[in-house]
Amino acid sequence: MKASELRQKSTEDLSKELLESLKEQFVFRMQRSSGQLTRHSEMRKVRRKIARIKTIMNEMQSTAEVSK
């Protein structure tokens, strides 16, 4: 998902998306440790998605603080 698409979402939606991505990352980590992971590139995509979501959430929080 692109950053521009994430910026259009509400904070609640971003939180849900973050939780879902963290669960997906956990599943990939467990698969990797047991040797069942076949799509190593998916781990990288999920990590970047989590970072993107966290960055946008921080941007939203900082703009809300500035506007007060």
PDB file of N, CA and C in Angstrom:
ATOM      1  N   MET A   1       0.840  -1.162   0.000  1.00  0.00           N
ATOM      2  CA  MET A   1       0.000   0.000   0.000  1.00  0.00           C
ATOM      3  C   MET A   1       0.895   1.238   0.000  1.00  0.00           C
ATOM      4  N   LYS A   2       0.545   2.209  -0.809  1.00  0.00           N
ATOM      5  CA  LYS A   2       1.347   3.415  -0.938  1.00  0.00           C
ATOM      6  C   LYS A   2       1.090   4.367   0.221  1.00  0.00           C
ATOM      7  N   ALA A   3       2.050   5.229   0.458  1.00  0.00           N
ATOM      8  CA  ALA A   3       1.938   6.197   1.549  1.00  0.00           C
ATOM      9  C   ALA A   3       0.777   7.152   1.316  1.00  0.00           C
ATOM     10  N   SER A   4       0.535   7.524   0.069  1.00  0.00           N
ATOM     11  CA  SER A   4      -0.577   8.440  -0.220  1.00  0.00           C
ATOM     12  C   SER A   4      -1.920   7.798   0.129  1.00  0.00           C
ATOM     13  N   GLU A   5      -2.034   6.504  -0.061  1.00  0.00           N
ATOM     14  CA  GLU A   5      -3.264   5.793   0.303  1.00  0.00           C
ATOM     15  C   GLU A   5      -3.404   5.719   1.819  1.00  0.00           C
ATOM     16  N   LEU A   6      -2.290   5.542   2.515  1.00  0.00           N
ATOM     17  CA  LEU A   6      -2.325   5.454   3.971  1.00  0.00           C
ATOM     18  C   LEU A   6      -2.665   6.805   4.601  1.00  0.00           C
ATOM     19  N   ARG A   7      -2.204   7.895   3.989  1.00  0.00           N
ATOM     20  CA  ARG A   7      -2.477   9.221   4.529  1.00  0.00           C
ATOM     21  C   ARG A   7      -3.962   9.566   4.502  1.00  0.00           C
ATOM     22  N   GLN A   8      -4.705   8.927   3.635  1.00  0.00           N
ATOM     23  CA  GLN A   8      -6.135   9.191   3.514  1.00  0.00           C
ATOM     24  C   GLN A   8      -6.949   8.458   4.577  1.00  0.00           C
ATOM     25  N   LYS A   9      -6.325   7.535   5.272  1.00  0.00           N
ATOM     26  CA  LYS A   9      -7.028   6.744   6.277  1.00  0.00           C
ATOM     27  C   LYS A   9      -7.039   7.470   7.617  1.00  0.00           C
ATOM     28  N   SER A  10      -7.986   7.099   8.448  1.00  0.00           N
ATOM     29  CA  SER A  10      -8.062   7.671   9.791  1.00  0.00           C
ATOM     30  C   SER A  10      -7.059   6.977  10.705  1.00  0.00           C
ATOM     31  N   THR A  11      -6.885   7.543  11.876  1.00  0.00           N
ATOM     32  CA  THR A  11      -5.944   6.981  12.844  1.00  0.00           C
ATOM     33  C   THR A  11      -6.373   5.583  13.274  1.00  0.00           C
ATOM     34  N   GLU A  12      -7.675   5.386  13.428  1.00  0.00           N
ATOM     35  CA  GLU A  12      -8.181   4.064  13.814  1.00  0.00           C
ATOM     36  C   GLU A  12      -7.885   3.030  12.743  1.00  0.00           C
ATOM     37  N   ASP A  13      -8.092   3.407  11.492  1.00  0.00           N
ATOM     38  CA  ASP A  13      -7.817   2.482  10.390  1.00  0.00           C
ATOM     39  C   ASP A  13      -6.331   2.150  10.317  1.00  0.00           C
ATOM     40  N   LEU A  14      -5.501   3.161  10.556  1.00  0.00           N
ATOM     41  CA  LEU A  14      -4.057   2.925  10.540  1.00  0.00           C
ATOM     42  C   LEU A  14      -3.643   1.996  11.668  1.00  0.00           C
ATOM     43  N   SER A  15      -4.267   2.151  12.817  1.00  0.00           N
ATOM     44  CA  SER A  15      -3.957   1.270  13.943  1.00  0.00           C
ATOM     45  C   SER A  15      -4.332  -0.170  13.632  1.00  0.00           C
ATOM     46  N   LYS A  16      -5.480  -0.353  13.011  1.00  0.00           N
ATOM     47  CA  LYS A  16      -5.898  -1.707  12.623  1.00  0.00           C
ATOM     48  C   LYS A  16      -4.956  -2.297  11.587  1.00  0.00           C
ATOM     49  N   GLU A  17      -4.563  -1.473  10.626  1.00  0.00           N
ATOM     50  CA  GLU A  17      -3.647  -1.918   9.578  1.00  0.00           C
ATOM     51  C   GLU A  17      -2.288  -2.289  10.182  1.00  0.00           C
ATOM     52  N   LEU A  18      -1.841  -1.506  11.156  1.00  0.00           N
ATOM     53  CA  LEU A  18      -0.572  -1.784  11.823  1.00  0.00           C
ATOM     54  C   LEU A  18      -0.637  -3.103  12.581  1.00  0.00           C
ATOM     55  N   LEU A  19      -1.700  -3.318  13.315  1.00  0.00           N
ATOM     56  CA  LEU A  19      -1.859  -4.557  14.066  1.00  0.00           C
ATOM     57  C   LEU A  19      -1.877  -5.767  13.135  1.00  0.00           C
ATOM     58  N   GLU A  20      -2.584  -5.639  12.032  1.00  0.00           N
ATOM     59  CA  GLU A  20      -2.657  -6.721  11.050  1.00  0.00           C
ATOM     60  C   GLU A  20      -1.272  -7.014  10.459  1.00  0.00           C
ATOM     61  N   SER A  21      -0.524  -5.970  10.163  1.00  0.00           N
ATOM     62  CA  SER A  21       0.814  -6.146   9.599  1.00  0.00           C
ATOM     63  C   SER A  21       1.770  -6.769  10.610  1.00  0.00           C
ATOM     64  N   LEU A  22       1.646  -6.384  11.875  1.00  0.00           N
ATOM     65  CA  LEU A  22       2.496  -6.975  12.911  1.00  0.00           C
ATOM     66  C   LEU A  22       2.201  -8.461  13.084  1.00  0.00           C
ATOM     67  N   LYS A  23       0.934  -8.832  12.988  1.00  0.00           N
ATOM     68  CA  LYS A  23       0.574 -10.251  13.064  1.00  0.00           C
ATOM     69  C   LYS A  23       1.153 -11.011  11.880  1.00  0.00           C
ATOM     70  N   GLU A  24       1.082 -10.394  10.705  1.00  0.00           N
ATOM     71  CA  GLU A  24       1.623 -11.018   9.497  1.00  0.00           C
ATOM     72  C   GLU A  24       3.141 -11.184   9.631  1.00  0.00           C
ATOM     73  N   GLN A  25       3.808 -10.192  10.183  1.00  0.00           N
ATOM     74  CA  GLN A  25       5.245 -10.274  10.395  1.00  0.00           C
ATOM     75  C   GLN A  25       5.587 -11.405  11.359  1.00  0.00           C
ATOM     76  N   PHE A  26       4.787 -11.565  12.404  1.00  0.00           N
ATOM     77  CA  PHE A  26       5.018 -12.631  13.376  1.00  0.00           C
ATOM     78  C   PHE A  26       4.916 -14.000  12.703  1.00  0.00           C
ATOM     79  N   VAL A  27       3.899 -14.165  11.864  1.00  0.00           N
ATOM     80  CA  VAL A  27       3.719 -15.433  11.155  1.00  0.00           C
ATOM     81  C   VAL A  27       4.935 -15.722  10.271  1.00  0.00           C
ATOM     82  N   PHE A  28       5.411 -14.696   9.563  1.00  0.00           N
ATOM     83  CA  PHE A  28       6.583 -14.882   8.709  1.00  0.00           C
ATOM     84  C   PHE A  28       7.827 -15.226   9.534  1.00  0.00           C
ATOM     85  N   ARG A  29       7.978 -14.606  10.703  1.00  0.00           N
ATOM     86  CA  ARG A  29       9.124 -14.923  11.558  1.00  0.00           C
ATOM     87  C   ARG A  29       9.070 -16.358  12.041  1.00  0.00           C
ATOM     88  N   MET A  30       7.894 -16.841  12.391  1.00  0.00           N
ATOM     89  CA  MET A  30       7.757 -18.222  12.848  1.00  0.00           C
ATOM     90  C   MET A  30       8.027 -19.195  11.700  1.00  0.00           C
ATOM     91  N   GLN A  31       7.575 -18.847  10.507  1.00  0.00           N
ATOM     92  CA  GLN A  31       7.836 -19.698   9.354  1.00  0.00           C
ATOM     93  C   GLN A  31       9.329 -19.743   9.049  1.00  0.00           C
ATOM     94  N   ARG A  32       9.987 -18.598   9.168  1.00  0.00           N
ATOM     95  CA  ARG A  32      11.427 -18.547   8.899  1.00  0.00           C
ATOM     96  C   ARG A  32      12.196 -19.400   9.903  1.00  0.00           C
ATOM     97  N   SER A  33      11.808 -19.323  11.166  1.00  0.00           N
ATOM     98  CA  SER A  33      12.541 -20.079  12.189  1.00  0.00           C
ATOM     99  C   SER A  33      12.337 -21.582  12.053  1.00  0.00           C
ATOM    100  N   SER A  34      11.189 -21.977  11.515  1.00  0.00           N
ATOM    101  CA  SER A  34      10.942 -23.407  11.350  1.00  0.00           C
ATOM    102  C   SER A  34      11.353 -23.907   9.962  1.00  0.00           C
ATOM    103  N   GLY A  35      11.859 -22.999   9.128  1.00  0.00           N
ATOM    104  CA  GLY A  35      12.324 -23.400   7.805  1.00  0.00           C
ATOM    105  C   GLY A  35      11.225 -23.553   6.776  1.00  0.00           C
ATOM    106  N   GLN A  36      10.041 -23.036   7.042  1.00  0.00           N
ATOM    107  CA  GLN A  36       8.925 -23.181   6.123  1.00  0.00           C
ATOM    108  C   GLN A  36       8.723 -21.966   5.226  1.00  0.00           C
ATOM    109  N   LEU A  37       9.462 -20.887   5.453  1.00  0.00           N
ATOM    110  CA  LEU A  37       9.273 -19.664   4.682  1.00  0.00           C
ATOM    111  C   LEU A  37       9.830 -19.842   3.277  1.00  0.00           C
ATOM    112  N   THR A  38       8.993 -19.628   2.291  1.00  0.00           N
ATOM    113  CA  THR A  38       9.435 -19.763   0.900  1.00  0.00           C
ATOM    114  C   THR A  38       9.528 -18.415   0.208  1.00  0.00           C
ATOM    115  N   ARG A  39       8.780 -17.427   0.681  1.00  0.00           N
ATOM    116  CA  ARG A  39       8.781 -16.104   0.045  1.00  0.00           C
ATOM    117  C   ARG A  39       9.487 -15.113   0.977  1.00  0.00           C
ATOM    118  N   HIS A  40      10.805 -15.073   0.907  1.00  0.00           N
ATOM    119  CA  HIS A  40      11.592 -14.225   1.786  1.00  0.00           C
ATOM    120  C   HIS A  40      11.342 -12.740   1.509  1.00  0.00           C
ATOM    121  N   SER A  41      10.965 -12.415   0.297  1.00  0.00           N
ATOM    122  CA  SER A  41      10.736 -11.015  -0.045  1.00  0.00           C
ATOM    123  C   SER A  41       9.501 -10.453   0.648  1.00  0.00           C
ATOM    124  N   GLU A  42       8.590 -11.309   1.055  1.00  0.00           N
ATOM    125  CA  GLU A  42       7.376 -10.849   1.737  1.00  0.00           C
ATOM    126  C   GLU A  42       7.712 -10.254   3.107  1.00  0.00           C
ATOM    127  N   MET A  43       8.711 -10.796   3.769  1.00  0.00           N
ATOM    128  CA  MET A  43       9.118 -10.251   5.074  1.00  0.00           C
ATOM    129  C   MET A  43       9.577  -8.813   4.914  1.00  0.00           C
ATOM    130  N   ARG A  44      10.333  -8.556   3.893  1.00  0.00           N
ATOM    131  CA  ARG A  44      10.830  -7.204   3.633  1.00  0.00           C
ATOM    132  C   ARG A  44       9.673  -6.249   3.347  1.00  0.00           C
ATOM    133  N   LYS A  45       8.714  -6.699   2.568  1.00  0.00           N
ATOM    134  CA  LYS A  45       7.558  -5.867   2.239  1.00  0.00           C
ATOM    135  C   LYS A  45       6.749  -5.522   3.481  1.00  0.00           C
ATOM    136  N   VAL A  46       6.568  -6.498   4.358  1.00  0.00           N
ATOM    137  CA  VAL A  46       5.791  -6.276   5.578  1.00  0.00           C
ATOM    138  C   VAL A  46       6.534  -5.324   6.507  1.00  0.00           C
ATOM    139  N   ARG A  47       7.850  -5.490   6.640  1.00  0.00           N
ATOM    140  CA  ARG A  47       8.640  -4.589   7.483  1.00  0.00           C
ATOM    141  C   ARG A  47       8.544  -3.149   6.996  1.00  0.00           C
ATOM    142  N   ARG A  48       8.621  -2.974   5.701  1.00  0.00           N
ATOM    143  CA  ARG A  48       8.532  -1.628   5.133  1.00  0.00           C
ATOM    144  C   ARG A  48       7.135  -1.044   5.292  1.00  0.00           C
ATOM    145  N   LYS A  49       6.120  -1.894   5.181  1.00  0.00           N
ATOM    146  CA  LYS A  49       4.751  -1.428   5.372  1.00  0.00           C
ATOM    147  C   LYS A  49       4.538  -0.961   6.809  1.00  0.00           C
ATOM    148  N   ILE A  50       5.082  -1.708   7.766  1.00  0.00           N
ATOM    149  CA  ILE A  50       4.975  -1.324   9.173  1.00  0.00           C
ATOM    150  C   ILE A  50       5.666   0.011   9.402  1.00  0.00           C
ATOM    151  N   ALA A  51       6.843   0.180   8.858  1.00  0.00           N
ATOM    152  CA  ALA A  51       7.582   1.431   9.009  1.00  0.00           C
ATOM    153  C   ALA A  51       6.815   2.591   8.376  1.00  0.00           C
ATOM    154  N   ARG A  52       6.225   2.355   7.228  1.00  0.00           N
ATOM    155  CA  ARG A  52       5.446   3.387   6.538  1.00  0.00           C
ATOM    156  C   ARG A  52       4.251   3.817   7.385  1.00  0.00           C
ATOM    157  N   ILE A  53       3.553   2.856   7.949  1.00  0.00           N
ATOM    158  CA  ILE A  53       2.376   3.157   8.771  1.00  0.00           C
ATOM    159  C   ILE A  53       2.789   3.934  10.012  1.00  0.00           C
ATOM    160  N   LYS A  54       3.856   3.499  10.679  1.00  0.00           N
ATOM    161  CA  LYS A  54       4.315   4.185  11.883  1.00  0.00           C
ATOM    162  C   LYS A  54       4.748   5.616  11.571  1.00  0.00           C
ATOM    163  N   THR A  55       5.405   5.811  10.449  1.00  0.00           N
ATOM    164  CA  THR A  55       5.847   7.146  10.052  1.00  0.00           C
ATOM    165  C   THR A  55       4.655   8.066   9.841  1.00  0.00           C
ATOM    166  N   ILE A  56       3.649   7.578   9.156  1.00  0.00           N
ATOM    167  CA  ILE A  56       2.462   8.397   8.885  1.00  0.00           C
ATOM    168  C   ILE A  56       1.704   8.688  10.170  1.00  0.00           C
ATOM    169  N   MET A  57       1.635   7.717  11.067  1.00  0.00           N
ATOM    170  CA  MET A  57       0.971   7.947  12.352  1.00  0.00           C
ATOM    171  C   MET A  57       1.708   9.021  13.154  1.00  0.00           C
ATOM    172  N   ASN A  58       3.048   8.993  13.129  1.00  0.00           N
ATOM    173  CA  ASN A  58       3.837  10.017  13.818  1.00  0.00           C
ATOM    174  C   ASN A  58       3.645  11.389  13.181  1.00  0.00           C
ATOM    175  N   GLU A  59       3.556  11.433  11.855  1.00  0.00           N
ATOM    176  CA  GLU A  59       3.310  12.691  11.165  1.00  0.00           C
ATOM    177  C   GLU A  59       1.957  13.267  11.574  1.00  0.00           C
ATOM    178  N   MET A  60       0.957  12.404  11.638  1.00  0.00           N
ATOM    179  CA  MET A  60      -0.384  12.859  12.031  1.00  0.00           C
ATOM    180  C   MET A  60      -0.372  13.391  13.457  1.00  0.00           C
ATOM    181  N   GLN A  61       0.343  12.705  14.330  1.00  0.00           N
ATOM    182  CA  GLN A  61       0.398  13.111  15.721  1.00  0.00           C
ATOM    183  C   GLN A  61       1.118  14.450  15.860  1.00  0.00           C
ATOM    184  N   SER A  62       2.199  14.619  15.144  1.00  0.00           N
ATOM    185  CA  SER A  62       2.961  15.875  15.252  1.00  0.00           C
ATOM    186  C   SER A  62       2.186  17.044  14.657  1.00  0.00           C
ATOM    187  N   THR A  63       1.447  16.841  13.584  1.00  0.00           N
ATOM    188  CA  THR A  63       0.648  17.925  13.013  1.00  0.00           C
ATOM    189  C   THR A  63      -0.520  18.274  13.928  1.00  0.00           C
ATOM    190  N   ALA A  64      -1.041  17.295  14.632  1.00  0.00           N
ATOM    191  CA  ALA A  64      -2.123  17.572  15.580  1.00  0.00           C
ATOM    192  C   ALA A  64      -1.608  18.377  16.755  1.00  0.00           C
ATOM    193  N   GLU A  65      -0.389  18.117  17.192  1.00  0.00           N
ATOM    194  CA  GLU A  65       0.195  18.853  18.311  1.00  0.00           C
ATOM    195  C   GLU A  65       0.519  20.282  17.907  1.00  0.00           C
ATOM    196  N   VAL A  66       0.971  20.470  16.687  1.00  0.00           N
ATOM    197  CA  VAL A  66       1.332  21.804  16.196  1.00  0.00           C
ATOM    198  C   VAL A  66       0.083  22.662  16.039  1.00  0.00           C
ATOM    199  N   SER A  67      -1.003  22.062  15.617  1.00  0.00           N
ATOM    200  CA  SER A  67      -2.229  22.831  15.370  1.00  0.00           C
ATOM    201  C   SER A  67      -2.936  23.228  16.660  1.00  0.00           C
ATOM    202  N   LYS A  68      -2.525  22.683  17.794  1.00  0.00           N
ATOM    203  CA  LYS A  68      -3.162  23.050  19.071  1.00  0.00           C
ATOM    204  C   LYS A  68      -2.741  24.406  19.547  1.00  0.00           C
TER     205      LYS A  68
END
